[in-house]
Each structure stands twice: as C-alpha cells, then as structure tokens.
Amino acid sequence: MTKPPDENDLLLQGRLPSDPEEGAVEVTAEDLAGAVANDDGATPTKAEALSAKPVSFLNLSMEVLEELEDRASGKKKPVPLPWNKLADILGAGFWAGLYIVIGLAAAGKTQLALQLATHAAKLGVPVAYIALEMSKLDIAARVLCLHLGMKPWSSLWRGNQTMLDDIKKRWSELADLGPLNILSAGPYDWDARTLPGLADELRSLNPGQTPLIILDFLQLVQAPPGSRMDLRERIAQA
C-alpha cells in the first residue's frame, strides 16, 4: 500500500502549508458519536456520546477497589520484565495499560521488544507481536537466536548450517515459546481497528490473564480506507 503523505513528507517536498489549519476538516458531534464504541461494540448515539457525566471520587474508588484487591492478593499480576531494575521502577512489571518505547533508528527498540516478548511468553503470558517492517524470516531468525542464545542472528538469516543443526538438536527448548503469537504485515497494510478483536481473542483463549500486545512500529500503521490521516493521527488511532 502506498504511504499516505504526512507533515514530514510535505516538509521535505517543500509543500508544507504556511497556515497549520489549511486543509483541516471540522470534526462534528456526529463524527465523535461514530468514533466511540460501547463496551458491547455498539456505536453510541450522538446523545450518548455527548452526555457523559463525571463520577464522584468515592464512587470511582468503589469501582476500582476490586481491581486493587486483585493486585494486592496477587490474583492479577503485571507482565514480567527481563530487566530487574526497570521492573522495580514500574512496580514489578508492565501493569495493564499503554507503553510507548521511543528511540533513534537502530537504537535497539525492536531487540528490546523481542526480549520482552520472549521473556513474557516463557513465563506463560499470552503475547501477540505485530511486526510491520520485518518478514516472518526476519522475526524467526531473531527470536530463535534470542531464545537459544545464539549470535549473530544475521548468520542464521543467511542460512548458517552449523546454527541450523544446533537448532534442530534443541528444538524441544522452543516449547517455552508456545504463548508467543506473530502477526506479520507489510508497512501500512495493518489496520489498527483490528486491535480490539485481537485483544479479545487472546483474553478468551487465556482467561484471567492480561495479554501483552506489541506493535512494531506505530509509524507504519495503516490509515482507514478513504482517510487522509497524517502520521500523528494514525499513531493516535492505533
């Protein structure tokens, strides 16, 4: 799929408008109502979307008390991390929520994400790794070497026979990665609107467990059909 232009592209092409509001489309109440979905998946009416009311702090506290008790008792646990110091800072790991890793190109973001994914999977956490810039061969080579302690993964990728023979002998060790699921798509080919369904499927297959979903990486998320979303809007939707 052709990459839709964003501000970075327009800037490089010298076509960035002097007025930042130029070409902006007004968002109406009907747009908001259609963009928000209820827990049951039904689209709320305009009135429902605009009638949200604040909740008193005491009522809010009562609502989350069960969640806090589950965490205190150990019934609910965070996604474990392979780095003890970072886990301590975050309160033992990644609790349910959104985490964004930011860094320069080739800084090791994908390697960090794969380490996190394989570590969590080995401990029984259901994991989905969405790869938008790596082929299945790329992912397999990196995960195999990471899990089995082989280096460098690029040698395996090129077909190193010695490494292949070693993998075959140690194939049983890969059983630990059973909870790891891979979704490979090309740049701008993956629609972020499929994410809720993926999360629901992981939860249904693993009742009581918080799944870990890794998206690598946000800038390659597809814009909805017919949309002219720029880079920031696509990232926000994902």
C-alpha atoms as a PDB file:
ATOM      1  CA  MET A   1       0.000   0.000   0.000  1.00  0.00           C
ATOM      2  CA  THR A   2       1.257   3.485  -0.859  1.00  0.00           C
ATOM      3  CA  LYS A   3       2.246   5.533   2.160  1.00  0.00           C
ATOM      4  CA  PRO A   4      -0.133   8.445   2.714  1.00  0.00           C
ATOM      5  CA  PRO A   5       1.736  11.789   2.906  1.00  0.00           C
ATOM      6  CA  ASP A   6       2.211  13.357   6.320  1.00  0.00           C
ATOM      7  CA  GLU A   7       3.772  16.605   7.554  1.00  0.00           C
ATOM      8  CA  ASN A   8       7.299  15.167   7.319  1.00  0.00           C
ATOM      9  CA  ASP A   9       6.800  14.257   3.660  1.00  0.00           C
ATOM     10  CA  LEU A  10       5.283  17.631   2.815  1.00  0.00           C
ATOM     11  CA  LEU A  11       8.137  19.434   4.570  1.00  0.00           C
ATOM     12  CA  LEU A  12      10.775  17.556   2.573  1.00  0.00           C
ATOM     13  CA  GLN A  13       8.864  18.300  -0.626  1.00  0.00           C
ATOM     14  CA  GLY A  14       8.516  21.986   0.236  1.00  0.00           C
ATOM     15  CA  ARG A  15       4.720  21.692   0.208  1.00  0.00           C
ATOM     16  CA  LEU A  16       4.007  22.263   3.907  1.00  0.00           C
ATOM     17  CA  PRO A  17       1.284  24.977   4.132  1.00  0.00           C
ATOM     18  CA  SER A  18       2.160  28.186   5.969  1.00  0.00           C
ATOM     19  CA  ASP A  19      -1.201  28.023   7.735  1.00  0.00           C
ATOM     20  CA  PRO A  20      -1.306  24.906  10.018  1.00  0.00           C
ATOM     21  CA  GLU A  21      -5.119  24.952   9.798  1.00  0.00           C
ATOM     22  CA  GLU A  22      -5.116  24.788   5.994  1.00  0.00           C
ATOM     23  CA  GLY A  23      -6.897  21.666   4.804  1.00  0.00           C
ATOM     24  CA  ALA A  24      -8.169  20.835   8.276  1.00  0.00           C
ATOM     25  CA  VAL A  25     -11.576  19.158   8.437  1.00  0.00           C
ATOM     26  CA  GLU A  26     -14.016  20.155  11.156  1.00  0.00           C
ATOM     27  CA  VAL A  27     -14.986  17.288  13.457  1.00  0.00           C
ATOM     28  CA  THR A  28     -18.708  17.251  14.183  1.00  0.00           C
ATOM     29  CA  ALA A  29     -20.662  15.688  17.035  1.00  0.00           C
ATOM     30  CA  GLU A  30     -21.817  13.001  14.603  1.00  0.00           C
ATOM     31  CA  ASP A  31     -18.181  12.141  13.871  1.00  0.00           C
ATOM     32  CA  LEU A  32     -17.463  11.791  17.590  1.00  0.00           C
ATOM     33  CA  ALA A  33     -20.525   9.612  18.114  1.00  0.00           C
ATOM     34  CA  GLY A  34     -19.444   7.309  15.314  1.00  0.00           C
ATOM     35  CA  ALA A  35     -15.859   7.070  16.541  1.00  0.00           C
ATOM     36  CA  VAL A  36     -16.657   5.950  20.088  1.00  0.00           C
ATOM     37  CA  ALA A  37     -17.959   2.442  20.780  1.00  0.00           C
ATOM     38  CA  ASN A  38     -19.651   0.999  23.844  1.00  0.00           C
ATOM     39  CA  ASP A  39     -18.193  -1.999  25.668  1.00  0.00           C
ATOM     40  CA  ASP A  40     -20.623  -4.272  23.811  1.00  0.00           C
ATOM     41  CA  GLY A  41     -19.302  -3.000  20.496  1.00  0.00           C
ATOM     42  CA  ALA A  42     -22.413  -0.996  19.643  1.00  0.00           C
ATOM     43  CA  THR A  43     -21.963   2.545  18.359  1.00  0.00           C
ATOM     44  CA  PRO A  44     -23.480   5.099  20.740  1.00  0.00           C
ATOM     45  CA  THR A  45     -25.930   7.704  19.611  1.00  0.00           C
ATOM     46  CA  LYS A  46     -24.999  11.363  19.371  1.00  0.00           C
ATOM     47  CA  ALA A  47     -26.782  11.996  22.667  1.00  0.00           C
ATOM     48  CA  GLU A  48     -24.877   9.199  24.410  1.00  0.00           C
ATOM     49  CA  ALA A  49     -21.537  10.463  23.140  1.00  0.00           C
ATOM     50  CA  LEU A  50     -22.235  13.975  24.406  1.00  0.00           C
ATOM     51  CA  SER A  51     -23.932  13.121  27.686  1.00  0.00           C
ATOM     52  CA  ALA A  52     -21.009  11.600  29.581  1.00  0.00           C
ATOM     53  CA  LYS A  53     -21.128  12.746  33.184  1.00  0.00           C
ATOM     54  CA  PRO A  54     -18.392  12.955  35.817  1.00  0.00           C
ATOM     55  CA  VAL A  55     -18.314  10.339  38.555  1.00  0.00           C
ATOM     56  CA  SER A  56     -17.709  11.235  42.183  1.00  0.00           C
ATOM     57  CA  PHE A  57     -14.341  10.198  43.525  1.00  0.00           C
ATOM     58  CA  LEU A  58     -15.942   7.975  46.202  1.00  0.00           C
ATOM     59  CA  ASN A  59     -17.958   6.075  43.600  1.00  0.00           C
ATOM     60  CA  LEU A  60     -14.889   5.788  41.408  1.00  0.00           C
ATOM     61  CA  SER A  61     -12.898   4.404  44.329  1.00  0.00           C
ATOM     62  CA  MET A  62     -15.541   1.757  44.975  1.00  0.00           C
ATOM     63  CA  GLU A  63     -15.462   0.725  41.326  1.00  0.00           C
ATOM     64  CA  VAL A  64     -11.699   0.143  41.303  1.00  0.00           C
ATOM     65  CA  LEU A  65     -11.484  -1.407  44.769  1.00  0.00           C
ATOM     66  CA  GLU A  66     -11.886  -4.947  43.401  1.00  0.00           C
ATOM     67  CA  GLU A  67      -9.096  -4.342  40.903  1.00  0.00           C
ATOM     68  CA  LEU A  68      -6.822  -3.065  43.662  1.00  0.00           C
ATOM     69  CA  GLU A  69      -7.628  -6.072  45.856  1.00  0.00           C
ATOM     70  CA  ASP A  70      -6.822  -8.443  42.975  1.00  0.00           C
ATOM     71  CA  ARG A  71      -3.451  -6.754  42.581  1.00  0.00           C
ATOM     72  CA  ALA A  72      -2.738  -6.805  46.306  1.00  0.00           C
ATOM     73  CA  SER A  73      -3.587 -10.509  46.595  1.00  0.00           C
ATOM     74  CA  GLY A  74      -1.555 -11.456  43.533  1.00  0.00           C
ATOM     75  CA  LYS A  75      -4.626 -12.603  41.617  1.00  0.00           C
ATOM     76  CA  LYS A  76      -3.678 -10.083  38.956  1.00  0.00           C
ATOM     77  CA  LYS A  77      -0.023  -9.570  38.122  1.00  0.00           C
ATOM     78  CA  PRO A  78       1.907  -7.317  35.753  1.00  0.00           C
ATOM     79  CA  VAL A  79       3.631  -8.569  32.634  1.00  0.00           C
ATOM     80  CA  PRO A  80       7.095  -9.636  33.874  1.00  0.00           C
ATOM     81  CA  LEU A  81      10.183  -7.902  32.531  1.00  0.00           C
ATOM     82  CA  PRO A  82      13.634  -9.406  31.933  1.00  0.00           C
ATOM     83  CA  TRP A  83      15.279  -6.347  33.489  1.00  0.00           C
ATOM     84  CA  ASN A  84      15.049  -6.256  37.292  1.00  0.00           C
ATOM     85  CA  LYS A  85      15.897  -2.581  37.762  1.00  0.00           C
ATOM     86  CA  LEU A  86      13.236  -1.443  35.294  1.00  0.00           C
ATOM     87  CA  ALA A  87      10.709  -3.853  36.826  1.00  0.00           C
ATOM     88  CA  ASP A  88      11.344  -2.338  40.258  1.00  0.00           C
ATOM     89  CA  ILE A  89      10.785   1.165  38.915  1.00  0.00           C
ATOM     90  CA  LEU A  90       7.477   0.155  37.284  1.00  0.00           C
ATOM     91  CA  GLY A  91       6.157  -1.771  40.273  1.00  0.00           C
ATOM     92  CA  ALA A  92       7.218  -5.323  39.282  1.00  0.00           C
ATOM     93  CA  GLY A  93       6.478  -5.043  35.539  1.00  0.00           C
ATOM     94  CA  PHE A  94       4.044  -3.725  32.954  1.00  0.00           C
ATOM     95  CA  TRP A  95       0.595  -3.364  34.503  1.00  0.00           C
ATOM     96  CA  ALA A  96      -2.358  -3.238  32.105  1.00  0.00           C
ATOM     97  CA  GLY A  97      -2.050  -0.081  30.029  1.00  0.00           C
ATOM     98  CA  LEU A  98      -0.222   1.557  27.131  1.00  0.00           C
ATOM     99  CA  TYR A  99       3.565   1.824  26.984  1.00  0.00           C
ATOM    100  CA  ILE A 100       5.432   3.555  24.142  1.00  0.00           C
ATOM    101  CA  VAL A 101       9.142   2.969  23.505  1.00  0.00           C
ATOM    102  CA  ILE A 102      10.839   5.899  21.775  1.00  0.00           C
ATOM    103  CA  GLY A 103      14.373   5.970  20.404  1.00  0.00           C
ATOM    104  CA  LEU A 104      16.548   6.793  17.426  1.00  0.00           C
ATOM    105  CA  ALA A 105      16.798   4.496  14.423  1.00  0.00           C
ATOM    106  CA  ALA A 106      18.897   1.365  15.127  1.00  0.00           C
ATOM    107  CA  ALA A 107      18.915   2.157  18.845  1.00  0.00           C
ATOM    108  CA  GLY A 108      17.650  -1.347  19.693  1.00  0.00           C
ATOM    109  CA  LYS A 109      13.879  -0.814  20.064  1.00  0.00           C
ATOM    110  CA  THR A 110      12.974  -3.991  18.193  1.00  0.00           C
ATOM    111  CA  GLN A 111      15.535  -6.024  20.103  1.00  0.00           C
ATOM    112  CA  LEU A 112      14.119  -4.702  23.372  1.00  0.00           C
ATOM    113  CA  ALA A 113      10.591  -5.557  22.256  1.00  0.00           C
ATOM    114  CA  LEU A 114      11.583  -9.089  21.239  1.00  0.00           C
ATOM    115  CA  GLN A 115      13.368  -9.653  24.548  1.00  0.00           C
ATOM    116  CA  LEU A 116      10.244  -8.535  26.365  1.00  0.00           C
ATOM    117  CA  ALA A 117       8.001 -10.739  24.206  1.00  0.00           C
ATOM    118  CA  THR A 118      10.061 -13.922  24.580  1.00  0.00           C
ATOM    119  CA  HIS A 119      10.595 -13.412  28.319  1.00  0.00           C
ATOM    120  CA  ALA A 120       6.881 -12.937  28.949  1.00  0.00           C
ATOM    121  CA  ALA A 121       5.942 -15.904  26.754  1.00  0.00           C
ATOM    122  CA  LYS A 122       8.372 -18.206  28.582  1.00  0.00           C
ATOM    123  CA  LEU A 123       6.565 -17.317  31.816  1.00  0.00           C
ATOM    124  CA  GLY A 124       3.157 -18.175  30.335  1.00  0.00           C
ATOM    125  CA  VAL A 125       1.927 -14.702  29.371  1.00  0.00           C
ATOM    126  CA  PRO A 126      -0.093 -14.679  26.111  1.00  0.00           C
ATOM    127  CA  VAL A 127       1.808 -12.470  23.660  1.00  0.00           C
ATOM    128  CA  ALA A 128       0.988 -11.093  20.221  1.00  0.00           C
ATOM    129  CA  TYR A 129       3.842  -9.466  18.298  1.00  0.00           C
ATOM    130  CA  ILE A 130       2.663  -7.337  15.366  1.00  0.00           C
ATOM    131  CA  ALA A 131       5.595  -6.779  13.002  1.00  0.00           C
ATOM    132  CA  LEU A 132       5.103  -4.160  10.300  1.00  0.00           C
ATOM    133  CA  GLU A 133       8.658  -3.925   8.965  1.00  0.00           C
ATOM    134  CA  MET A 134      10.028  -7.459   9.397  1.00  0.00           C
ATOM    135  CA  SER A 135       9.265 -10.557   7.362  1.00  0.00           C
ATOM    136  CA  LYS A 136       8.442 -13.872   9.003  1.00  0.00           C
ATOM    137  CA  LEU A 137      12.001 -14.994   8.245  1.00  0.00           C
ATOM    138  CA  ASP A 138      13.445 -11.922   9.979  1.00  0.00           C
ATOM    139  CA  ILE A 139      11.333 -12.490  13.088  1.00  0.00           C
ATOM    140  CA  ALA A 140      12.007 -16.216  13.250  1.00  0.00           C
ATOM    141  CA  ALA A 141      15.767 -15.782  12.945  1.00  0.00           C
ATOM    142  CA  ARG A 142      15.868 -13.123  15.653  1.00  0.00           C
ATOM    143  CA  VAL A 143      13.600 -14.975  18.086  1.00  0.00           C
ATOM    144  CA  LEU A 144      15.371 -18.310  17.614  1.00  0.00           C
ATOM    145  CA  CYS A 145      18.786 -16.782  18.297  1.00  0.00           C
ATOM    146  CA  LEU A 146      17.499 -14.729  21.196  1.00  0.00           C
ATOM    147  CA  HIS A 147      15.807 -17.690  22.872  1.00  0.00           C
ATOM    148  CA  LEU A 148      18.631 -20.173  22.276  1.00  0.00           C
ATOM    149  CA  GLY A 149      21.470 -17.750  22.999  1.00  0.00           C
ATOM    150  CA  MET A 150      22.955 -17.771  19.505  1.00  0.00           C
ATOM    151  CA  LYS A 151      24.817 -14.908  17.835  1.00  0.00           C
ATOM    152  CA  PRO A 152      24.592 -13.236  15.449  1.00  0.00           C
ATOM    153  CA  TRP A 153      21.043 -13.719  14.208  1.00  0.00           C
ATOM    154  CA  SER A 154      22.069 -12.390  10.784  1.00  0.00           C
ATOM    155  CA  SER A 155      24.208 -15.512  10.273  1.00  0.00           C
ATOM    156  CA  LEU A 156      21.182 -17.727  10.822  1.00  0.00           C
ATOM    157  CA  TRP A 157      19.185 -15.478   8.488  1.00  0.00           C
ATOM    158  CA  ARG A 158      21.777 -16.138   5.781  1.00  0.00           C
ATOM    159  CA  GLY A 159      21.479 -19.897   6.298  1.00  0.00           C
ATOM    160  CA  ASN A 160      24.386 -20.850   8.583  1.00  0.00           C
ATOM    161  CA  GLN A 161      24.343 -24.666   8.561  1.00  0.00           C
ATOM    162  CA  THR A 162      26.033 -25.070  11.946  1.00  0.00           C
ATOM    163  CA  MET A 163      23.395 -22.900  13.609  1.00  0.00           C
ATOM    164  CA  LEU A 164      20.601 -24.763  11.808  1.00  0.00           C
ATOM    165  CA  ASP A 165      21.925 -28.119  13.041  1.00  0.00           C
ATOM    166  CA  ASP A 166      22.110 -26.784  16.596  1.00  0.00           C
ATOM    167  CA  ILE A 167      18.515 -25.528  16.424  1.00  0.00           C
ATOM    168  CA  LYS A 168      17.280 -28.925  15.261  1.00  0.00           C
ATOM    169  CA  LYS A 169      19.014 -30.619  18.204  1.00  0.00           C
ATOM    170  CA  ARG A 170      17.492 -28.145  20.664  1.00  0.00           C
ATOM    171  CA  TRP A 171      14.040 -27.954  19.095  1.00  0.00           C
ATOM    172  CA  SER A 172      12.321 -29.128  22.275  1.00  0.00           C
ATOM    173  CA  GLU A 173      13.507 -25.950  24.035  1.00  0.00           C
ATOM    174  CA  LEU A 174      11.205 -23.911  21.798  1.00  0.00           C
ATOM    175  CA  ALA A 175       8.153 -25.293  23.585  1.00  0.00           C
ATOM    176  CA  ASP A 176       8.576 -22.459  26.093  1.00  0.00           C
ATOM    177  CA  LEU A 177       7.532 -20.027  23.373  1.00  0.00           C
ATOM    178  CA  GLY A 178       4.086 -21.573  22.923  1.00  0.00           C
ATOM    179  CA  PRO A 179       2.258 -18.433  24.152  1.00  0.00           C
ATOM    180  CA  LEU A 180       4.075 -16.231  21.593  1.00  0.00           C
ATOM    181  CA  ASN A 181       1.981 -15.364  18.522  1.00  0.00           C
ATOM    182  CA  ILE A 182       3.333 -13.495  15.483  1.00  0.00           C
ATOM    183  CA  LEU A 183       1.373 -11.297  13.101  1.00  0.00           C
ATOM    184  CA  SER A 184       3.463 -10.136  10.144  1.00  0.00           C
ATOM    185  CA  ALA A 185       2.205  -7.479   7.746  1.00  0.00           C
ATOM    186  CA  GLY A 186       3.792  -5.055   5.336  1.00  0.00           C
ATOM    187  CA  PRO A 187       4.184  -1.348   6.027  1.00  0.00           C
ATOM    188  CA  TYR A 188       0.779   0.408   6.023  1.00  0.00           C
ATOM    189  CA  ASP A 189      -1.022  -2.925   5.489  1.00  0.00           C
ATOM    190  CA  TRP A 190      -2.221  -3.422   9.076  1.00  0.00           C
ATOM    191  CA  ASP A 191      -5.447  -1.736  10.180  1.00  0.00           C
ATOM    192  CA  ALA A 192      -5.387  -0.658  13.834  1.00  0.00           C
ATOM    193  CA  ARG A 193      -9.151  -1.219  14.048  1.00  0.00           C
ATOM    194  CA  THR A 194      -8.472  -4.968  14.269  1.00  0.00           C
ATOM    195  CA  LEU A 195      -6.594  -4.495  17.552  1.00  0.00           C
ATOM    196  CA  PRO A 196      -9.614  -4.795  19.928  1.00  0.00           C
ATOM    197  CA  GLY A 197     -10.617  -8.084  18.299  1.00  0.00           C
ATOM    198  CA  LEU A 198      -7.091  -9.436  18.666  1.00  0.00           C
ATOM    199  CA  ALA A 199      -7.013  -8.496  22.352  1.00  0.00           C
ATOM    200  CA  ASP A 200     -10.429 -10.102  22.947  1.00  0.00           C
ATOM    201  CA  GLU A 201      -9.279 -13.320  21.259  1.00  0.00           C
ATOM    202  CA  LEU A 202      -6.167 -13.533  23.444  1.00  0.00           C
ATOM    203  CA  ARG A 203      -8.269 -12.938  26.580  1.00  0.00           C
ATOM    204  CA  SER A 204     -10.822 -15.597  25.600  1.00  0.00           C
ATOM    205  CA  LEU A 205      -8.072 -18.159  24.980  1.00  0.00           C
ATOM    206  CA  ASN A 206      -6.322 -17.250  28.250  1.00  0.00           C
ATOM    207  CA  PRO A 207      -9.000 -16.445  30.863  1.00  0.00           C
ATOM    208  CA  GLY A 208      -7.781 -14.414  33.812  1.00  0.00           C
ATOM    209  CA  GLN A 209      -4.530 -13.385  32.143  1.00  0.00           C
ATOM    210  CA  THR A 210      -3.583  -9.953  30.829  1.00  0.00           C
ATOM    211  CA  PRO A 211      -2.189 -10.362  27.301  1.00  0.00           C
ATOM    212  CA  LEU A 212       0.851  -8.486  26.030  1.00  0.00           C
ATOM    213  CA  ILE A 213       0.446  -6.951  22.566  1.00  0.00           C
ATOM    214  CA  ILE A 214       3.498  -5.374  20.938  1.00  0.00           C
ATOM    215  CA  LEU A 215       3.159  -3.197  17.837  1.00  0.00           C
ATOM    216  CA  ASP A 216       6.421  -2.669  15.932  1.00  0.00           C
ATOM    217  CA  PHE A 217       6.088   0.052  14.934  1.00  0.00           C
ATOM    218  CA  LEU A 218       3.486   2.836  15.210  1.00  0.00           C
ATOM    219  CA  GLN A 219       4.584   4.935  12.232  1.00  0.00           C
ATOM    220  CA  LEU A 220       3.724   2.074   9.856  1.00  0.00           C
ATOM    221  CA  VAL A 221       0.079   1.755  10.897  1.00  0.00           C
ATOM    222  CA  GLN A 222      -2.381   1.967   8.027  1.00  0.00           C
ATOM    223  CA  ALA A 223      -4.831   4.848   7.773  1.00  0.00           C
ATOM    224  CA  PRO A 224      -8.513   3.811   7.482  1.00  0.00           C
ATOM    225  CA  PRO A 225      -9.746   3.417   3.878  1.00  0.00           C
ATOM    226  CA  GLY A 226     -10.628   6.761   2.355  1.00  0.00           C
ATOM    227  CA  SER A 227      -8.965   8.645   5.200  1.00  0.00           C
ATOM    228  CA  ARG A 228      -6.349  11.382   4.836  1.00  0.00           C
ATOM    229  CA  MET A 229      -4.951  10.933   8.323  1.00  0.00           C
ATOM    230  CA  ASP A 230      -1.451  12.225   8.861  1.00  0.00           C
ATOM    231  CA  LEU A 231       1.236  10.405  10.844  1.00  0.00           C
ATOM    232  CA  ARG A 232       0.167  11.748  14.234  1.00  0.00           C
ATOM    233  CA  GLU A 233      -3.480  10.835  13.656  1.00  0.00           C
ATOM    234  CA  ARG A 234      -2.624   7.283  12.602  1.00  0.00           C
ATOM    235  CA  ILE A 235      -0.481   6.808  15.690  1.00  0.00           C
ATOM    236  CA  ALA A 236      -3.193   8.206  17.942  1.00  0.00           C
ATOM    237  CA  GLN A 237      -5.785   5.842  16.473  1.00  0.00           C
ATOM    238  CA  ALA A 238      -3.512   2.820  16.998  1.00  0.00           C
END
